[in-house]
Amino acid sequence: MGRQRGRPHGPGPAGGPPDRVPQPRPPRPRLTGSWPEARRLLEDAELYWLATVRADGRPHVTPLIGVSPRTPMAR
């Protein structure tokens, strides 16, 4: 029987070690920007980050070069 990857399973809260106490979540940040500002930031970006999860549950992040129909390269 091989070693299994993933989250630890134990008698503690949420399957974690017994000496660890769950901490309250921090408050969610308030969004103060506007949709036009968000659109401008996305249009001006040259690089985007694509985040996925592998089949074994590990996260995977990779950069993507962004090209939109409005950029000179796409015309």
PDB file of N, CA and C in Angstrom:
ATOM      1  N   MET A   1       0.842  -1.176   0.000  1.00  0.00           N
ATOM      2  CA  MET A   1       0.000   0.000   0.000  1.00  0.00           C
ATOM      3  C   MET A   1       0.888   1.240   0.000  1.00  0.00           C
ATOM      4  N   GLY A   2       0.779   2.088  -1.058  1.00  0.00           N
ATOM      5  CA  GLY A   2       1.618   3.269  -1.191  1.00  0.00           C
ATOM      6  C   GLY A   2       1.109   4.436  -0.364  1.00  0.00           C
ATOM      7  N   ARG A   3       1.940   5.423  -0.277  1.00  0.00           N
ATOM      8  CA  ARG A   3       1.582   6.632   0.458  1.00  0.00           C
ATOM      9  C   ARG A   3       0.557   7.410  -0.354  1.00  0.00           C
ATOM     10  N   GLN A   4      -0.488   7.869   0.304  1.00  0.00           N
ATOM     11  CA  GLN A   4      -1.547   8.583  -0.366  1.00  0.00           C
ATOM     12  C   GLN A   4      -1.339  10.078  -0.227  1.00  0.00           C
ATOM     13  N   ARG A   5      -1.549  10.814  -1.315  1.00  0.00           N
ATOM     14  CA  ARG A   5      -1.459  12.264  -1.263  1.00  0.00           C
ATOM     15  C   ARG A   5      -2.811  12.845  -0.925  1.00  0.00           C
ATOM     16  N   GLY A   6      -2.784  14.090  -0.512  1.00  0.00           N
ATOM     17  CA  GLY A   6      -4.040  14.780  -0.232  1.00  0.00           C
ATOM     18  C   GLY A   6      -4.016  15.380   1.150  1.00  0.00           C
ATOM     19  N   ARG A   7      -5.163  15.744   1.603  1.00  0.00           N
ATOM     20  CA  ARG A   7      -5.284  16.361   2.916  1.00  0.00           C
ATOM     21  C   ARG A   7      -5.121  15.313   4.006  1.00  0.00           C
ATOM     22  N   PRO A   8      -4.516  15.698   5.129  1.00  0.00           N
ATOM     23  CA  PRO A   8      -4.361  14.730   6.218  1.00  0.00           C
ATOM     24  C   PRO A   8      -5.700  14.398   6.857  1.00  0.00           C
ATOM     25  N   HIS A   9      -5.843  13.177   7.261  1.00  0.00           N
ATOM     26  CA  HIS A   9      -7.061  12.746   7.942  1.00  0.00           C
ATOM     27  C   HIS A   9      -6.686  12.366   9.362  1.00  0.00           C
ATOM     28  N   GLY A  10      -7.382  12.903  10.297  1.00  0.00           N
ATOM     29  CA  GLY A  10      -7.088  12.617  11.694  1.00  0.00           C
ATOM     30  C   GLY A  10      -8.256  13.000  12.574  1.00  0.00           C
ATOM     31  N   PRO A  11      -8.074  12.867  13.869  1.00  0.00           N
ATOM     32  CA  PRO A  11      -9.175  13.121  14.787  1.00  0.00           C
ATOM     33  C   PRO A  11      -9.455  14.599  15.031  1.00  0.00           C
ATOM     34  N   GLY A  12      -8.636  15.492  14.509  1.00  0.00           N
ATOM     35  CA  GLY A  12      -8.802  16.915  14.771  1.00  0.00           C
ATOM     36  C   GLY A  12      -9.928  17.530  13.958  1.00  0.00           C
ATOM     37  N   PRO A  13     -10.186  18.827  14.150  1.00  0.00           N
ATOM     38  CA  PRO A  13     -11.239  19.500  13.404  1.00  0.00           C
ATOM     39  C   PRO A  13     -10.938  19.509  11.914  1.00  0.00           C
ATOM     40  N   ALA A  14     -11.941  19.270  11.128  1.00  0.00           N
ATOM     41  CA  ALA A  14     -11.842  19.239   9.662  1.00  0.00           C
ATOM     42  C   ALA A  14     -10.791  18.260   9.172  1.00  0.00           C
ATOM     43  N   GLY A  15     -10.543  17.206   9.919  1.00  0.00           N
ATOM     44  CA  GLY A  15      -9.604  16.183   9.499  1.00  0.00           C
ATOM     45  C   GLY A  15      -8.150  16.542   9.717  1.00  0.00           C
ATOM     46  N   GLY A  16      -7.871  17.677  10.352  1.00  0.00           N
ATOM     47  CA  GLY A  16      -6.504  18.115  10.581  1.00  0.00           C
ATOM     48  C   GLY A  16      -5.940  17.548  11.865  1.00  0.00           C
ATOM     49  N   PRO A  17      -4.736  17.920  12.208  1.00  0.00           N
ATOM     50  CA  PRO A  17      -4.129  17.437  13.440  1.00  0.00           C
ATOM     51  C   PRO A  17      -4.947  17.867  14.659  1.00  0.00           C
ATOM     52  N   PRO A  18      -4.959  17.058  15.725  1.00  0.00           N
ATOM     53  CA  PRO A  18      -5.805  17.359  16.882  1.00  0.00           C
ATOM     54  C   PRO A  18      -5.407  18.628  17.632  1.00  0.00           C
ATOM     55  N   ASP A  19      -4.165  19.099  17.502  1.00  0.00           N
ATOM     56  CA  ASP A  19      -3.755  20.284  18.245  1.00  0.00           C
ATOM     57  C   ASP A  19      -4.049  21.585  17.497  1.00  0.00           C
ATOM     58  N   ARG A  20      -4.625  21.505  16.343  1.00  0.00           N
ATOM     59  CA  ARG A  20      -4.897  22.694  15.544  1.00  0.00           C
ATOM     60  C   ARG A  20      -6.350  23.112  15.690  1.00  0.00           C
ATOM     61  N   VAL A  21      -6.566  24.364  16.045  1.00  0.00           N
ATOM     62  CA  VAL A  21      -7.920  24.883  16.211  1.00  0.00           C
ATOM     63  C   VAL A  21      -8.272  25.697  14.971  1.00  0.00           C
ATOM     64  N   PRO A  22      -9.454  25.462  14.385  1.00  0.00           N
ATOM     65  CA  PRO A  22      -9.819  26.227  13.190  1.00  0.00           C
ATOM     66  C   PRO A  22      -9.914  27.720  13.502  1.00  0.00           C
ATOM     67  N   GLN A  23      -9.415  28.528  12.598  1.00  0.00           N
ATOM     68  CA  GLN A  23      -9.445  29.974  12.762  1.00  0.00           C
ATOM     69  C   GLN A  23     -10.615  30.550  11.965  1.00  0.00           C
ATOM     70  N   PRO A  24     -11.218  31.629  12.465  1.00  0.00           N
ATOM     71  CA  PRO A  24     -12.306  32.241  11.688  1.00  0.00           C
ATOM     72  C   PRO A  24     -11.763  32.830  10.392  1.00  0.00           C
ATOM     73  N   ARG A  25     -12.591  32.819   9.382  1.00  0.00           N
ATOM     74  CA  ARG A  25     -12.185  33.367   8.095  1.00  0.00           C
ATOM     75  C   ARG A  25     -12.101  34.892   8.183  1.00  0.00           C
ATOM     76  N   PRO A  26     -11.128  35.479   7.497  1.00  0.00           N
ATOM     77  CA  PRO A  26     -11.060  36.941   7.478  1.00  0.00           C
ATOM     78  C   PRO A  26     -12.242  37.495   6.688  1.00  0.00           C
ATOM     79  N   PRO A  27     -12.626  38.725   6.952  1.00  0.00           N
ATOM     80  CA  PRO A  27     -13.755  39.294   6.202  1.00  0.00           C
ATOM     81  C   PRO A  27     -13.401  39.423   4.724  1.00  0.00           C
ATOM     82  N   ARG A  28     -14.397  39.281   3.885  1.00  0.00           N
ATOM     83  CA  ARG A  28     -14.178  39.408   2.445  1.00  0.00           C
ATOM     84  C   ARG A  28     -13.897  40.862   2.114  1.00  0.00           C
ATOM     85  N   PRO A  29     -12.940  41.099   1.222  1.00  0.00           N
ATOM     86  CA  PRO A  29     -12.639  42.484   0.862  1.00  0.00           C
ATOM     87  C   PRO A  29     -13.797  43.106   0.083  1.00  0.00           C
ATOM     88  N   ARG A  30     -14.022  44.369   0.311  1.00  0.00           N
ATOM     89  CA  ARG A  30     -15.064  45.087  -0.423  1.00  0.00           C
ATOM     90  C   ARG A  30     -14.503  45.488  -1.780  1.00  0.00           C
ATOM     91  N   LEU A  31     -15.280  45.265  -2.794  1.00  0.00           N
ATOM     92  CA  LEU A  31     -14.873  45.655  -4.138  1.00  0.00           C
ATOM     93  C   LEU A  31     -15.188  47.132  -4.319  1.00  0.00           C
ATOM     94  N   THR A  32     -14.169  47.906  -4.587  1.00  0.00           N
ATOM     95  CA  THR A  32     -14.364  49.348  -4.702  1.00  0.00           C
ATOM     96  C   THR A  32     -14.237  49.841  -6.131  1.00  0.00           C
ATOM     97  N   GLY A  33     -13.848  48.994  -7.041  1.00  0.00           N
ATOM     98  CA  GLY A  33     -13.676  49.415  -8.424  1.00  0.00           C
ATOM     99  C   GLY A  33     -14.996  49.412  -9.179  1.00  0.00           C
ATOM    100  N   SER A  34     -14.925  49.835 -10.411  1.00  0.00           N
ATOM    101  CA  SER A  34     -16.107  49.854 -11.265  1.00  0.00           C
ATOM    102  C   SER A  34     -15.892  48.895 -12.433  1.00  0.00           C
ATOM    103  N   TRP A  35     -16.974  48.562 -13.131  1.00  0.00           N
ATOM    104  CA  TRP A  35     -16.853  47.679 -14.288  1.00  0.00           C
ATOM    105  C   TRP A  35     -15.986  48.289 -15.379  1.00  0.00           C
ATOM    106  N   PRO A  36     -16.114  49.584 -15.665  1.00  0.00           N
ATOM    107  CA  PRO A  36     -15.212  50.165 -16.680  1.00  0.00           C
ATOM    108  C   PRO A  36     -13.737  50.056 -16.275  1.00  0.00           C
ATOM    109  N   GLU A  37     -13.465  50.232 -14.991  1.00  0.00           N
ATOM    110  CA  GLU A  37     -12.082  50.106 -14.526  1.00  0.00           C
ATOM    111  C   GLU A  37     -11.593  48.661 -14.674  1.00  0.00           C
ATOM    112  N   ALA A  38     -12.444  47.698 -14.309  1.00  0.00           N
ATOM    113  CA  ALA A  38     -12.069  46.286 -14.441  1.00  0.00           C
ATOM    114  C   ALA A  38     -11.834  45.936 -15.910  1.00  0.00           C
ATOM    115  N   ARG A  39     -12.687  46.427 -16.787  1.00  0.00           N
ATOM    116  CA  ARG A  39     -12.525  46.163 -18.218  1.00  0.00           C
ATOM    117  C   ARG A  39     -11.212  46.744 -18.739  1.00  0.00           C
ATOM    118  N   ARG A  40     -10.889  47.976 -18.316  1.00  0.00           N
ATOM    119  CA  ARG A  40      -9.646  48.610 -18.740  1.00  0.00           C
ATOM    120  C   ARG A  40      -8.442  47.796 -18.279  1.00  0.00           C
ATOM    121  N   LEU A  41      -8.481  47.321 -17.028  1.00  0.00           N
ATOM    122  CA  LEU A  41      -7.369  46.519 -16.515  1.00  0.00           C
ATOM    123  C   LEU A  41      -7.201  45.228 -17.312  1.00  0.00           C
ATOM    124  N   LEU A  42      -8.313  44.577 -17.647  1.00  0.00           N
ATOM    125  CA  LEU A  42      -8.238  43.342 -18.426  1.00  0.00           C
ATOM    126  C   LEU A  42      -7.757  43.606 -19.848  1.00  0.00           C
ATOM    127  N   GLU A  43      -8.226  44.701 -20.442  1.00  0.00           N
ATOM    128  CA  GLU A  43      -7.802  45.018 -21.807  1.00  0.00           C
ATOM    129  C   GLU A  43      -6.333  45.418 -21.876  1.00  0.00           C
ATOM    130  N   ASP A  44      -5.836  46.076 -20.832  1.00  0.00           N
ATOM    131  CA  ASP A  44      -4.442  46.532 -20.829  1.00  0.00           C
ATOM    132  C   ASP A  44      -3.454  45.431 -20.433  1.00  0.00           C
ATOM    133  N   ALA A  45      -3.951  44.358 -19.858  1.00  0.00           N
ATOM    134  CA  ALA A  45      -3.061  43.286 -19.395  1.00  0.00           C
ATOM    135  C   ALA A  45      -2.452  42.549 -20.585  1.00  0.00           C
ATOM    136  N   GLU A  46      -1.189  42.218 -20.471  1.00  0.00           N
ATOM    137  CA  GLU A  46      -0.520  41.432 -21.503  1.00  0.00           C
ATOM    138  C   GLU A  46      -0.422  39.963 -21.100  1.00  0.00           C
ATOM    139  N   LEU A  47      -0.584  39.708 -19.820  1.00  0.00           N
ATOM    140  CA  LEU A  47      -0.429  38.357 -19.298  1.00  0.00           C
ATOM    141  C   LEU A  47      -1.577  38.049 -18.348  1.00  0.00           C
ATOM    142  N   TYR A  48      -2.175  36.873 -18.496  1.00  0.00           N
ATOM    143  CA  TYR A  48      -3.249  36.402 -17.629  1.00  0.00           C
ATOM    144  C   TYR A  48      -2.764  35.128 -16.951  1.00  0.00           C
ATOM    145  N   TRP A  49      -3.348  34.784 -15.811  1.00  0.00           N
ATOM    146  CA  TRP A  49      -2.992  33.562 -15.092  1.00  0.00           C
ATOM    147  C   TRP A  49      -4.198  32.637 -15.082  1.00  0.00           C
ATOM    148  N   LEU A  50      -4.011  31.439 -15.599  1.00  0.00           N
ATOM    149  CA  LEU A  50      -5.056  30.418 -15.616  1.00  0.00           C
ATOM    150  C   LEU A  50      -4.782  29.452 -14.478  1.00  0.00           C
ATOM    151  N   ALA A  51      -5.745  29.307 -13.581  1.00  0.00           N
ATOM    152  CA  ALA A  51      -5.593  28.407 -12.435  1.00  0.00           C
ATOM    153  C   ALA A  51      -6.547  27.229 -12.586  1.00  0.00           C
ATOM    154  N   THR A  52      -6.015  26.018 -12.445  1.00  0.00           N
ATOM    155  CA  THR A  52      -6.814  24.799 -12.518  1.00  0.00           C
ATOM    156  C   THR A  52      -6.391  23.871 -11.376  1.00  0.00           C
ATOM    157  N   VAL A  53      -7.047  22.728 -11.292  1.00  0.00           N
ATOM    158  CA  VAL A  53      -6.710  21.711 -10.299  1.00  0.00           C
ATOM    159  C   VAL A  53      -6.426  20.418 -11.046  1.00  0.00           C
ATOM    160  N   ARG A  54      -5.299  19.807 -10.735  1.00  0.00           N
ATOM    161  CA  ARG A  54      -4.942  18.538 -11.370  1.00  0.00           C
ATOM    162  C   ARG A  54      -5.864  17.424 -10.877  1.00  0.00           C
ATOM    163  N   ALA A  55      -5.843  16.301 -11.568  1.00  0.00           N
ATOM    164  CA  ALA A  55      -6.702  15.162 -11.208  1.00  0.00           C
ATOM    165  C   ALA A  55      -6.432  14.675  -9.789  1.00  0.00           C
ATOM    166  N   ASP A  56      -5.188  14.832  -9.314  1.00  0.00           N
ATOM    167  CA  ASP A  56      -4.871  14.370  -7.959  1.00  0.00           C
ATOM    168  C   ASP A  56      -5.155  15.442  -6.901  1.00  0.00           C
ATOM    169  N   GLY A  57      -5.745  16.572  -7.302  1.00  0.00           N
ATOM    170  CA  GLY A  57      -6.144  17.597  -6.353  1.00  0.00           C
ATOM    171  C   GLY A  57      -5.138  18.723  -6.156  1.00  0.00           C
ATOM    172  N   ARG A  58      -3.954  18.611  -6.750  1.00  0.00           N
ATOM    173  CA  ARG A  58      -2.951  19.667  -6.596  1.00  0.00           C
ATOM    174  C   ARG A  58      -3.289  20.838  -7.515  1.00  0.00           C
ATOM    175  N   PRO A  59      -3.051  22.064  -7.040  1.00  0.00           N
ATOM    176  CA  PRO A  59      -3.326  23.217  -7.891  1.00  0.00           C
ATOM    177  C   PRO A  59      -2.280  23.366  -8.996  1.00  0.00           C
ATOM    178  N   HIS A  60      -2.687  23.977 -10.089  1.00  0.00           N
ATOM    179  CA  HIS A  60      -1.768  24.231 -11.194  1.00  0.00           C
ATOM    180  C   HIS A  60      -2.083  25.617 -11.743  1.00  0.00           C
ATOM    181  N   VAL A  61      -1.065  26.453 -11.888  1.00  0.00           N
ATOM    182  CA  VAL A  61      -1.229  27.805 -12.415  1.00  0.00           C
ATOM    183  C   VAL A  61      -0.255  27.983 -13.570  1.00  0.00           C
ATOM    184  N   THR A  62      -0.747  28.563 -14.664  1.00  0.00           N
ATOM    185  CA  THR A  62       0.117  28.796 -15.817  1.00  0.00           C
ATOM    186  C   THR A  62      -0.192  30.160 -16.425  1.00  0.00           C
ATOM    187  N   PRO A  63       0.828  30.863 -16.893  1.00  0.00           N
ATOM    188  CA  PRO A  63       0.574  32.166 -17.519  1.00  0.00           C
ATOM    189  C   PRO A  63       0.069  32.001 -18.955  1.00  0.00           C
ATOM    190  N   LEU A  64      -0.797  32.913 -19.372  1.00  0.00           N
ATOM    191  CA  LEU A  64      -1.302  32.936 -20.743  1.00  0.00           C
ATOM    192  C   LEU A  64      -1.095  34.331 -21.307  1.00  0.00           C
ATOM    193  N   ILE A  65      -0.659  34.406 -22.544  1.00  0.00           N
ATOM    194  CA  ILE A  65      -0.522  35.692 -23.208  1.00  0.00           C
ATOM    195  C   ILE A  65      -1.901  36.094 -23.721  1.00  0.00           C
ATOM    196  N   GLY A  66      -2.304  37.310 -23.397  1.00  0.00           N
ATOM    197  CA  GLY A  66      -3.633  37.764 -23.780  1.00  0.00           C
ATOM    198  C   GLY A  66      -3.637  38.552 -25.080  1.00  0.00           C
ATOM    199  N   VAL A  67      -4.536  38.198 -25.978  1.00  0.00           N
ATOM    200  CA  VAL A  67      -4.738  38.937 -27.215  1.00  0.00           C
ATOM    201  C   VAL A  67      -6.245  39.120 -27.382  1.00  0.00           C
ATOM    202  N   SER A  68      -6.672  40.347 -27.539  1.00  0.00           N
ATOM    203  CA  SER A  68      -8.095  40.596 -27.751  1.00  0.00           C
ATOM    204  C   SER A  68      -8.304  41.105 -29.167  1.00  0.00           C
ATOM    205  N   PRO A  69      -9.535  41.059 -29.672  1.00  0.00           N
ATOM    206  CA  PRO A  69      -9.789  41.521 -31.035  1.00  0.00           C
ATOM    207  C   PRO A  69      -9.451  42.998 -31.237  1.00  0.00           C
ATOM    208  N   ARG A  70      -9.326  43.758 -30.147  1.00  0.00           N
ATOM    209  CA  ARG A  70      -9.071  45.195 -30.267  1.00  0.00           C
ATOM    210  C   ARG A  70      -7.583  45.532 -30.262  1.00  0.00           C
ATOM    211  N   THR A  71      -6.725  44.548 -30.064  1.00  0.00           N
ATOM    212  CA  THR A  71      -5.291  44.822 -30.052  1.00  0.00           C
ATOM    213  C   THR A  71      -4.755  44.842 -31.475  1.00  0.00           C
ATOM    214  N   PRO A  72      -3.699  45.627 -31.735  1.00  0.00           N
ATOM    215  CA  PRO A  72      -3.146  45.677 -33.100  1.00  0.00           C
ATOM    216  C   PRO A  72      -2.681  44.309 -33.604  1.00  0.00           C
ATOM    217  N   MET A  73      -2.234  43.431 -32.727  1.00  0.00           N
ATOM    218  CA  MET A  73      -1.746  42.112 -33.154  1.00  0.00           C
ATOM    219  C   MET A  73      -2.875  41.279 -33.742  1.00  0.00           C
ATOM    220  N   ALA A  74      -4.089  41.439 -33.253  1.00  0.00           N
ATOM    221  CA  ALA A  74      -5.205  40.608 -33.693  1.00  0.00           C
ATOM    222  C   ALA A  74      -5.825  41.098 -34.999  1.00  0.00           C
ATOM    223  N   ARG A  75      -5.474  42.289 -35.438  1.00  0.00           N
ATOM    224  CA  ARG A  75      -6.090  42.844 -36.659  1.00  0.00           C
ATOM    225  C   ARG A  75      -5.418  42.363 -37.905  1.00  0.00           C
TER     226      ARG A  75
END
